[in-house]
Amino acid sequence: MTDAPALHLAGIYRRQVHASLERIWENVFDWEHLAHLHDGSFADCALIDAGPWGWRVVLTPKGAASQLIEMRADRANGRYTSTTIEGTGVGTEIRVALSPCGSSQVDVTVEFHLPEARKERLAVMGDAYVAAYARLWDEDEAMMQARERALAGRRPPNFSVPRLDLGEKQAVRAALPLKFDFGEAPFRLVELDGKLVVHSTVCPHWLGPLDEAPVILGQVRCPWHGYRFYVANGACAAHPALKLGPAPKISLIEGRVVVAWPAGAGA
């Protein structure tokens, strides 16, 4: 049995993340977002195993070979480590320390320990890791903040609102896709196969945003985790247990586009 290669500190990345410690730990354990929220960095991510201890995945960086990555968490001490088990950079450890400094601020320190002894090469690789993690944490922070806002503002639709006049038919079509609120819930009006269709703009998985998602083959994809939903009926393409929230129906009244809850909605 050969000894593991010695690790050397290549660089340190520090930042203050404006999100709660709860959201950060939620994000740390959320392996599923890696290939979707970070689709500019990763092409695919397949789960091998997961539990309270962390997770193990096959992660495929963009334009590179797959790696077996293991994340192990030490929540009691505010730390976790991601280790490359197989693939390029095998043995690499990325050690992260989390230190809350307020109700919605956490100091994050990331150390990159690599199996590389050459100082010049180590410095170049360290700079690359720091730049990559700055980008990843930017994307993570934006998602965590959006999720926090979505959780704080979450409420059931108000089915007592009778109807909403969106405007004259031609003007509405010219404004598509059209975002609007109805019954205290956000929706979007789109055109599908020549017909106007309304869909919820909140992903039921993590409350991710669907308001800017393009409609492709009748579906919208959540940018956080890649869940796809049919706009015509709200069904999830791959997870039957998930479905978009109820959407109002469209009527054309005297040349104007009007939305109203279908009979029995909210019953």
C-alpha atoms as a PDB file:
ATOM      1  CA  MET A   1       0.000   0.000   0.000  1.00  0.00           C
ATOM      2  CA  THR A   2       1.487   3.342  -1.068  1.00  0.00           C
ATOM      3  CA  ASP A   3       1.398   6.352   1.184  1.00  0.00           C
ATOM      4  CA  ALA A   4      -0.846   9.255   0.236  1.00  0.00           C
ATOM      5  CA  PRO A   5       1.094  12.141  -1.343  1.00  0.00           C
ATOM      6  CA  ALA A   6       2.022  14.997   0.967  1.00  0.00           C
ATOM      7  CA  LEU A   7      -0.277  18.013   0.740  1.00  0.00           C
ATOM      8  CA  HIS A   8       0.877  21.605   0.458  1.00  0.00           C
ATOM      9  CA  LEU A   9      -1.112  24.793   1.003  1.00  0.00           C
ATOM     10  CA  ALA A  10      -1.622  26.421  -2.400  1.00  0.00           C
ATOM     11  CA  GLY A  11      -3.805  29.343  -1.412  1.00  0.00           C
ATOM     12  CA  ILE A  12      -6.453  30.748   0.889  1.00  0.00           C
ATOM     13  CA  TYR A  13      -9.724  32.395  -0.088  1.00  0.00           C
ATOM     14  CA  ARG A  14     -11.606  34.527   2.444  1.00  0.00           C
ATOM     15  CA  ARG A  15     -14.894  36.350   2.175  1.00  0.00           C
ATOM     16  CA  GLN A  16     -17.874  37.427   4.233  1.00  0.00           C
ATOM     17  CA  VAL A  17     -21.036  35.773   2.938  1.00  0.00           C
ATOM     18  CA  HIS A  18     -24.261  37.688   3.483  1.00  0.00           C
ATOM     19  CA  ALA A  19     -26.485  34.731   4.318  1.00  0.00           C
ATOM     20  CA  SER A  20     -27.450  32.892   7.472  1.00  0.00           C
ATOM     21  CA  LEU A  21     -25.435  29.937   8.742  1.00  0.00           C
ATOM     22  CA  GLU A  22     -28.569  27.793   8.233  1.00  0.00           C
ATOM     23  CA  ARG A  23     -28.680  28.679   4.524  1.00  0.00           C
ATOM     24  CA  ILE A  24     -24.950  28.040   4.138  1.00  0.00           C
ATOM     25  CA  TRP A  25     -25.100  24.560   5.686  1.00  0.00           C
ATOM     26  CA  GLU A  26     -28.148  23.825   3.553  1.00  0.00           C
ATOM     27  CA  ASN A  27     -26.103  24.842   0.528  1.00  0.00           C
ATOM     28  CA  VAL A  28     -23.080  22.771   1.603  1.00  0.00           C
ATOM     29  CA  PHE A  29     -25.147  19.576   1.781  1.00  0.00           C
ATOM     30  CA  ASP A  30     -26.943  20.390  -1.482  1.00  0.00           C
ATOM     31  CA  TRP A  31     -24.781  18.473  -3.986  1.00  0.00           C
ATOM     32  CA  GLU A  32     -27.619  18.627  -6.510  1.00  0.00           C
ATOM     33  CA  HIS A  33     -27.136  22.287  -7.416  1.00  0.00           C
ATOM     34  CA  LEU A  34     -23.525  21.875  -8.539  1.00  0.00           C
ATOM     35  CA  ALA A  35     -24.198  21.069 -12.216  1.00  0.00           C
ATOM     36  CA  HIS A  36     -27.128  23.504 -12.535  1.00  0.00           C
ATOM     37  CA  LEU A  37     -26.459  26.661 -10.545  1.00  0.00           C
ATOM     38  CA  HIS A  38     -22.775  26.284 -11.464  1.00  0.00           C
ATOM     39  CA  ASP A  39     -23.354  25.104 -15.033  1.00  0.00           C
ATOM     40  CA  GLY A  40     -20.552  27.365 -16.212  1.00  0.00           C
ATOM     41  CA  SER A  41     -18.105  25.300 -14.154  1.00  0.00           C
ATOM     42  CA  PHE A  42     -19.557  21.777 -14.100  1.00  0.00           C
ATOM     43  CA  ALA A  43     -21.154  19.645 -16.798  1.00  0.00           C
ATOM     44  CA  ASP A  44     -22.632  16.905 -14.628  1.00  0.00           C
ATOM     45  CA  CYS A  45     -22.932  15.661 -11.064  1.00  0.00           C
ATOM     46  CA  ALA A  46     -24.098  12.151 -10.120  1.00  0.00           C
ATOM     47  CA  LEU A  47     -24.755  11.082  -6.542  1.00  0.00           C
ATOM     48  CA  ILE A  48     -22.989   8.022  -5.133  1.00  0.00           C
ATOM     49  CA  ASP A  49     -23.923   8.321  -1.465  1.00  0.00           C
ATOM     50  CA  ALA A  50     -25.154  10.913   1.027  1.00  0.00           C
ATOM     51  CA  GLY A  51     -26.084  11.220   4.669  1.00  0.00           C
ATOM     52  CA  PRO A  52     -25.680  13.421   7.763  1.00  0.00           C
ATOM     53  CA  TRP A  53     -21.927  12.990   7.346  1.00  0.00           C
ATOM     54  CA  GLY A  54     -21.901  14.640   3.875  1.00  0.00           C
ATOM     55  CA  TRP A  55     -21.967  13.278   0.323  1.00  0.00           C
ATOM     56  CA  ARG A  56     -19.951  11.520  -2.355  1.00  0.00           C
ATOM     57  CA  VAL A  57     -20.492  12.363  -6.031  1.00  0.00           C
ATOM     58  CA  VAL A  58     -18.990  11.900  -9.466  1.00  0.00           C
ATOM     59  CA  LEU A  59     -18.425  15.483 -10.567  1.00  0.00           C
ATOM     60  CA  THR A  60     -17.557  16.380 -14.160  1.00  0.00           C
ATOM     61  CA  PRO A  61     -15.973  19.805 -14.661  1.00  0.00           C
ATOM     62  CA  LYS A  62     -16.591  21.582 -17.949  1.00  0.00           C
ATOM     63  CA  GLY A  63     -14.095  20.328 -20.508  1.00  0.00           C
ATOM     64  CA  ALA A  64     -12.379  17.915 -18.110  1.00  0.00           C
ATOM     65  CA  ALA A  65     -12.551  14.317 -16.920  1.00  0.00           C
ATOM     66  CA  SER A  66     -14.844  13.235 -14.107  1.00  0.00           C
ATOM     67  CA  GLN A  67     -13.681  13.157 -10.500  1.00  0.00           C
ATOM     68  CA  LEU A  68     -14.929  11.299  -7.445  1.00  0.00           C
ATOM     69  CA  ILE A  69     -15.422  13.959  -4.776  1.00  0.00           C
ATOM     70  CA  GLU A  70     -16.305  13.421  -1.143  1.00  0.00           C
ATOM     71  CA  MET A  71     -17.563  16.141   1.189  1.00  0.00           C
ATOM     72  CA  ARG A  72     -17.416  15.437   4.917  1.00  0.00           C
ATOM     73  CA  ALA A  73     -18.953  17.898   7.344  1.00  0.00           C
ATOM     74  CA  ASP A  74     -18.060  18.731  10.936  1.00  0.00           C
ATOM     75  CA  ARG A  75     -21.013  20.939  11.781  1.00  0.00           C
ATOM     76  CA  ALA A  76     -20.212  21.049  15.489  1.00  0.00           C
ATOM     77  CA  ASN A  77     -16.953  22.832  14.708  1.00  0.00           C
ATOM     78  CA  GLY A  78     -18.162  24.799  11.693  1.00  0.00           C
ATOM     79  CA  ARG A  79     -15.971  22.996   9.186  1.00  0.00           C
ATOM     80  CA  TYR A  80     -16.181  20.764   6.156  1.00  0.00           C
ATOM     81  CA  THR A  81     -13.677  19.228   3.754  1.00  0.00           C
ATOM     82  CA  SER A  82     -14.045  18.247   0.116  1.00  0.00           C
ATOM     83  CA  THR A  83     -11.556  15.599  -1.012  1.00  0.00           C
ATOM     84  CA  THR A  84     -10.759  14.341  -4.509  1.00  0.00           C
ATOM     85  CA  ILE A  85     -10.865  10.560  -4.138  1.00  0.00           C
ATOM     86  CA  GLU A  86     -10.319   9.673  -7.803  1.00  0.00           C
ATOM     87  CA  GLY A  87      -9.449  11.581 -10.955  1.00  0.00           C
ATOM     88  CA  THR A  88      -7.334  14.617 -11.699  1.00  0.00           C
ATOM     89  CA  GLY A  89      -5.851  16.085  -8.545  1.00  0.00           C
ATOM     90  CA  VAL A  90      -6.483  12.957  -6.496  1.00  0.00           C
ATOM     91  CA  GLY A  91      -5.730  13.645  -2.843  1.00  0.00           C
ATOM     92  CA  THR A  92      -6.585  17.349  -3.061  1.00  0.00           C
ATOM     93  CA  GLU A  93      -8.372  18.661   0.023  1.00  0.00           C
ATOM     94  CA  ILE A  94     -10.420  21.843   0.129  1.00  0.00           C
ATOM     95  CA  ARG A  95     -10.947  22.762   3.776  1.00  0.00           C
ATOM     96  CA  VAL A  96     -13.620  25.298   4.674  1.00  0.00           C
ATOM     97  CA  ALA A  97     -14.228  27.032   7.993  1.00  0.00           C
ATOM     98  CA  LEU A  98     -17.482  28.889   8.751  1.00  0.00           C
ATOM     99  CA  SER A  99     -17.608  31.551  11.447  1.00  0.00           C
ATOM    100  CA  PRO A 100     -20.912  33.446  12.004  1.00  0.00           C
ATOM    101  CA  CYS A 101     -20.472  37.164  12.616  1.00  0.00           C
ATOM    102  CA  GLY A 102     -24.156  38.136  12.711  1.00  0.00           C
ATOM    103  CA  SER A 103     -27.606  36.717  12.099  1.00  0.00           C
ATOM    104  CA  SER A 104     -27.122  36.833   8.345  1.00  0.00           C
ATOM    105  CA  GLN A 105     -23.364  37.098   7.870  1.00  0.00           C
ATOM    106  CA  VAL A 106     -20.733  34.376   7.975  1.00  0.00           C
ATOM    107  CA  ASP A 107     -16.976  34.640   7.562  1.00  0.00           C
ATOM    108  CA  VAL A 108     -15.785  31.911   5.208  1.00  0.00           C
ATOM    109  CA  THR A 109     -12.187  30.729   4.945  1.00  0.00           C
ATOM    110  CA  VAL A 110     -11.264  28.227   2.232  1.00  0.00           C
ATOM    111  CA  GLU A 111      -7.847  26.534   2.196  1.00  0.00           C
ATOM    112  CA  PHE A 112      -6.611  24.641  -0.861  1.00  0.00           C
ATOM    113  CA  HIS A 113      -4.269  21.776   0.016  1.00  0.00           C
ATOM    114  CA  LEU A 114      -2.781  20.096  -3.052  1.00  0.00           C
ATOM    115  CA  PRO A 115      -0.463  17.137  -3.709  1.00  0.00           C
ATOM    116  CA  GLU A 116       2.014  19.444  -5.460  1.00  0.00           C
ATOM    117  CA  ALA A 117       5.425  20.346  -4.036  1.00  0.00           C
ATOM    118  CA  ARG A 118       6.753  22.654  -6.773  1.00  0.00           C
ATOM    119  CA  LYS A 119       6.303  26.186  -5.447  1.00  0.00           C
ATOM    120  CA  GLU A 120       5.819  27.858  -8.835  1.00  0.00           C
ATOM    121  CA  ARG A 121       3.218  25.313  -9.924  1.00  0.00           C
ATOM    122  CA  LEU A 122       1.564  25.440  -6.499  1.00  0.00           C
ATOM    123  CA  ALA A 123       1.173  29.226  -6.713  1.00  0.00           C
ATOM    124  CA  VAL A 124      -0.418  29.064 -10.178  1.00  0.00           C
ATOM    125  CA  MET A 125      -2.839  26.345  -9.103  1.00  0.00           C
ATOM    126  CA  GLY A 126      -3.677  28.247  -5.918  1.00  0.00           C
ATOM    127  CA  ASP A 127      -4.548  31.379  -7.891  1.00  0.00           C
ATOM    128  CA  ALA A 128      -6.799  29.311 -10.168  1.00  0.00           C
ATOM    129  CA  TYR A 129      -8.603  27.755  -7.215  1.00  0.00           C
ATOM    130  CA  VAL A 130      -9.124  31.143  -5.545  1.00  0.00           C
ATOM    131  CA  ALA A 131     -10.590  32.614  -8.739  1.00  0.00           C
ATOM    132  CA  ALA A 132     -12.868  29.605  -9.242  1.00  0.00           C
ATOM    133  CA  TYR A 133     -14.140  29.664  -5.681  1.00  0.00           C
ATOM    134  CA  ALA A 134     -14.812  33.406  -5.802  1.00  0.00           C
ATOM    135  CA  ARG A 135     -17.116  32.738  -8.755  1.00  0.00           C
ATOM    136  CA  LEU A 136     -18.765  29.721  -7.091  1.00  0.00           C
ATOM    137  CA  TRP A 137     -19.409  31.580  -3.849  1.00  0.00           C
ATOM    138  CA  ASP A 138     -20.834  34.559  -5.787  1.00  0.00           C
ATOM    139  CA  GLU A 139     -23.358  32.198  -7.366  1.00  0.00           C
ATOM    140  CA  ASP A 140     -24.059  30.386  -4.098  1.00  0.00           C
ATOM    141  CA  GLU A 141     -24.550  33.617  -2.171  1.00  0.00           C
ATOM    142  CA  ALA A 142     -27.055  34.922  -4.730  1.00  0.00           C
ATOM    143  CA  MET A 143     -29.046  31.684  -4.509  1.00  0.00           C
ATOM    144  CA  MET A 144     -28.994  31.629  -0.704  1.00  0.00           C
ATOM    145  CA  GLN A 145     -30.187  35.224  -0.504  1.00  0.00           C
ATOM    146  CA  ALA A 146     -32.965  34.593  -3.027  1.00  0.00           C
ATOM    147  CA  ARG A 147     -34.058  31.474  -1.128  1.00  0.00           C
ATOM    148  CA  GLU A 148     -34.092  33.405   2.156  1.00  0.00           C
ATOM    149  CA  ARG A 149     -36.340  36.063   0.587  1.00  0.00           C
ATOM    150  CA  ALA A 150     -38.592  33.402  -0.927  1.00  0.00           C
ATOM    151  CA  LEU A 151     -38.969  31.598   2.409  1.00  0.00           C
ATOM    152  CA  ALA A 152     -39.725  34.857   4.235  1.00  0.00           C
ATOM    153  CA  GLY A 153     -42.354  35.867   1.665  1.00  0.00           C
ATOM    154  CA  ARG A 154     -43.927  32.460   1.167  1.00  0.00           C
ATOM    155  CA  ARG A 155     -47.695  32.376   1.666  1.00  0.00           C
ATOM    156  CA  PRO A 156     -50.580  30.429   0.143  1.00  0.00           C
ATOM    157  CA  PRO A 157     -52.367  31.989  -2.845  1.00  0.00           C
ATOM    158  CA  ASN A 158     -55.346  34.184  -2.054  1.00  0.00           C
ATOM    159  CA  PHE A 159     -58.168  32.455  -3.911  1.00  0.00           C
ATOM    160  CA  SER A 160     -60.677  35.142  -2.922  1.00  0.00           C
ATOM    161  CA  VAL A 161     -59.382  37.542  -5.572  1.00  0.00           C
ATOM    162  CA  PRO A 162     -62.013  37.246  -8.328  1.00  0.00           C
ATOM    163  CA  ARG A 163     -60.091  38.157 -11.470  1.00  0.00           C
ATOM    164  CA  LEU A 164     -57.423  40.357 -13.033  1.00  0.00           C
ATOM    165  CA  ASP A 165     -57.597  42.248 -16.316  1.00  0.00           C
ATOM    166  CA  LEU A 166     -54.186  42.025 -18.007  1.00  0.00           C
ATOM    167  CA  GLY A 167     -55.081  44.329 -20.870  1.00  0.00           C
ATOM    168  CA  GLU A 168     -56.084  44.419 -24.512  1.00  0.00           C
ATOM    169  CA  LYS A 169     -55.295  41.191 -26.381  1.00  0.00           C
ATOM    170  CA  GLN A 170     -52.847  42.606 -28.921  1.00  0.00           C
ATOM    171  CA  ALA A 171     -50.994  44.648 -26.313  1.00  0.00           C
ATOM    172  CA  VAL A 172     -50.700  41.609 -24.040  1.00  0.00           C
ATOM    173  CA  ARG A 173     -49.350  39.425 -26.850  1.00  0.00           C
ATOM    174  CA  ALA A 174     -46.824  42.121 -27.733  1.00  0.00           C
ATOM    175  CA  ALA A 175     -45.611  42.102 -24.104  1.00  0.00           C
ATOM    176  CA  LEU A 176     -45.094  38.319 -23.856  1.00  0.00           C
ATOM    177  CA  PRO A 177     -43.679  36.758 -21.797  1.00  0.00           C
ATOM    178  CA  LEU A 178     -45.642  38.789 -19.261  1.00  0.00           C
ATOM    179  CA  LYS A 179     -45.005  38.549 -15.514  1.00  0.00           C
ATOM    180  CA  PHE A 180     -47.776  39.490 -13.100  1.00  0.00           C
ATOM    181  CA  ASP A 181     -49.018  38.883  -9.547  1.00  0.00           C
ATOM    182  CA  PHE A 182     -52.464  37.469  -8.862  1.00  0.00           C
ATOM    183  CA  GLY A 183     -53.885  36.434  -5.517  1.00  0.00           C
ATOM    184  CA  GLU A 184     -50.547  37.416  -3.908  1.00  0.00           C
ATOM    185  CA  ALA A 185     -48.676  34.856  -6.014  1.00  0.00           C
ATOM    186  CA  PRO A 186     -46.299  35.427  -8.981  1.00  0.00           C
ATOM    187  CA  PHE A 187     -47.127  34.111 -12.464  1.00  0.00           C
ATOM    188  CA  ARG A 188     -46.014  34.437 -16.054  1.00  0.00           C
ATOM    189  CA  LEU A 189     -48.107  34.478 -19.213  1.00  0.00           C
ATOM    190  CA  VAL A 190     -46.449  32.772 -22.183  1.00  0.00           C
ATOM    191  CA  GLU A 191     -47.456  31.532 -25.607  1.00  0.00           C
ATOM    192  CA  LEU A 192     -47.405  27.783 -26.240  1.00  0.00           C
ATOM    193  CA  ASP A 193     -48.410  26.333 -29.600  1.00  0.00           C
ATOM    194  CA  GLY A 194     -50.282  29.531 -30.436  1.00  0.00           C
ATOM    195  CA  LYS A 195     -52.198  29.582 -27.135  1.00  0.00           C
ATOM    196  CA  LEU A 196     -51.766  31.753 -24.078  1.00  0.00           C
ATOM    197  CA  VAL A 197     -50.762  29.789 -20.963  1.00  0.00           C
ATOM    198  CA  VAL A 198     -50.175  30.905 -17.377  1.00  0.00           C
ATOM    199  CA  HIS A 199     -47.683  29.181 -15.076  1.00  0.00           C
ATOM    200  CA  SER A 200     -46.379  29.745 -11.559  1.00  0.00           C
ATOM    201  CA  THR A 201     -42.897  31.238 -11.448  1.00  0.00           C
ATOM    202  CA  VAL A 202     -41.919  29.512  -8.185  1.00  0.00           C
ATOM    203  CA  CYS A 203     -40.232  26.108  -8.273  1.00  0.00           C
ATOM    204  CA  PRO A 204     -41.896  23.875  -5.638  1.00  0.00           C
ATOM    205  CA  HIS A 205     -38.576  22.185  -4.808  1.00  0.00           C
ATOM    206  CA  TRP A 206     -36.613  25.043  -3.187  1.00  0.00           C
ATOM    207  CA  LEU A 207     -38.732  28.032  -4.276  1.00  0.00           C
ATOM    208  CA  GLY A 208     -36.316  28.752  -7.104  1.00  0.00           C
ATOM    209  CA  PRO A 209     -37.147  31.422  -9.719  1.00  0.00           C
ATOM    210  CA  LEU A 210     -38.801  30.416 -12.997  1.00  0.00           C
ATOM    211  CA  ASP A 211     -39.721  33.919 -14.150  1.00  0.00           C
ATOM    212  CA  GLU A 212     -36.788  34.191 -16.593  1.00  0.00           C
ATOM    213  CA  ALA A 213     -36.660  30.531 -17.668  1.00  0.00           C
ATOM    214  CA  PRO A 214     -37.147  30.060 -21.431  1.00  0.00           C
ATOM    215  CA  VAL A 215     -39.932  27.735 -22.518  1.00  0.00           C
ATOM    216  CA  ILE A 216     -38.282  24.836 -24.356  1.00  0.00           C
ATOM    217  CA  LEU A 217     -40.388  21.938 -25.625  1.00  0.00           C
ATOM    218  CA  GLY A 218     -43.215  23.176 -23.449  1.00  0.00           C
ATOM    219  CA  GLN A 219     -41.103  23.130 -20.287  1.00  0.00           C
ATOM    220  CA  VAL A 220     -39.308  25.563 -18.009  1.00  0.00           C
ATOM    221  CA  ARG A 221     -36.162  24.582 -16.092  1.00  0.00           C
ATOM    222  CA  CYS A 222     -35.269  25.810 -12.620  1.00  0.00           C
ATOM    223  CA  PRO A 223     -31.765  27.342 -12.703  1.00  0.00           C
ATOM    224  CA  TRP A 224     -30.948  26.131  -9.190  1.00  0.00           C
ATOM    225  CA  HIS A 225     -31.391  22.363  -9.507  1.00  0.00           C
ATOM    226  CA  GLY A 226     -32.518  21.712 -13.069  1.00  0.00           C
ATOM    227  CA  TYR A 227     -36.051  20.536 -12.302  1.00  0.00           C
ATOM    228  CA  ARG A 228     -38.240  20.855 -15.423  1.00  0.00           C
ATOM    229  CA  PHE A 229     -41.958  21.605 -15.435  1.00  0.00           C
ATOM    230  CA  TYR A 230     -44.575  21.551 -18.187  1.00  0.00           C
ATOM    231  CA  VAL A 231     -46.131  25.007 -18.354  1.00  0.00           C
ATOM    232  CA  ALA A 232     -49.449  23.615 -19.644  1.00  0.00           C
ATOM    233  CA  ASN A 233     -50.238  21.625 -16.487  1.00  0.00           C
ATOM    234  CA  GLY A 234     -47.429  22.305 -13.986  1.00  0.00           C
ATOM    235  CA  ALA A 235     -46.276  18.659 -13.880  1.00  0.00           C
ATOM    236  CA  CYS A 236     -42.600  17.931 -13.248  1.00  0.00           C
ATOM    237  CA  ALA A 237     -40.943  16.027 -16.079  1.00  0.00           C
ATOM    238  CA  ALA A 238     -38.951  13.645 -13.867  1.00  0.00           C
ATOM    239  CA  HIS A 239     -40.396  13.892 -10.348  1.00  0.00           C
ATOM    240  CA  PRO A 240     -44.155  13.167 -10.167  1.00  0.00           C
ATOM    241  CA  ALA A 241     -44.326  14.276  -6.533  1.00  0.00           C
ATOM    242  CA  LEU A 242     -43.441  17.842  -7.565  1.00  0.00           C
ATOM    243  CA  LYS A 243     -45.868  20.161  -9.313  1.00  0.00           C
ATOM    244  CA  LEU A 244     -46.093  23.888  -9.878  1.00  0.00           C
ATOM    245  CA  GLY A 245     -48.601  25.759  -7.771  1.00  0.00           C
ATOM    246  CA  PRO A 246     -52.134  26.279  -9.130  1.00  0.00           C
ATOM    247  CA  ALA A 247     -52.392  28.799 -11.942  1.00  0.00           C
ATOM    248  CA  PRO A 248     -55.344  30.959 -12.988  1.00  0.00           C
ATOM    249  CA  LYS A 249     -57.225  30.318 -16.209  1.00  0.00           C
ATOM    250  CA  ILE A 250     -57.355  32.738 -19.119  1.00  0.00           C
ATOM    251  CA  SER A 251     -60.454  34.214 -20.689  1.00  0.00           C
ATOM    252  CA  LEU A 252     -60.911  36.674 -23.538  1.00  0.00           C
ATOM    253  CA  ILE A 253     -63.604  39.183 -22.584  1.00  0.00           C
ATOM    254  CA  GLU A 254     -64.474  41.905 -25.089  1.00  0.00           C
ATOM    255  CA  GLY A 255     -60.996  41.737 -26.566  1.00  0.00           C
ATOM    256  CA  ARG A 256     -59.237  41.851 -23.232  1.00  0.00           C
ATOM    257  CA  VAL A 257     -57.181  39.107 -21.552  1.00  0.00           C
ATOM    258  CA  VAL A 258     -58.547  38.278 -18.110  1.00  0.00           C
ATOM    259  CA  VAL A 259     -57.275  35.715 -15.599  1.00  0.00           C
ATOM    260  CA  ALA A 260     -59.370  34.122 -12.848  1.00  0.00           C
ATOM    261  CA  TRP A 261     -59.101  31.144 -10.525  1.00  0.00           C
ATOM    262  CA  PRO A 262     -60.777  28.021 -11.871  1.00  0.00           C
ATOM    263  CA  ALA A 263     -63.875  26.764 -10.103  1.00  0.00           C
ATOM    264  CA  GLY A 264     -62.979  24.905  -6.916  1.00  0.00           C
ATOM    265  CA  ALA A 265     -59.477  26.377  -6.617  1.00  0.00           C
ATOM    266  CA  GLY A 266     -58.318  26.355  -3.024  1.00  0.00           C
ATOM    267  CA  ALA A 267     -61.049  23.961  -1.921  1.00  0.00           C
END
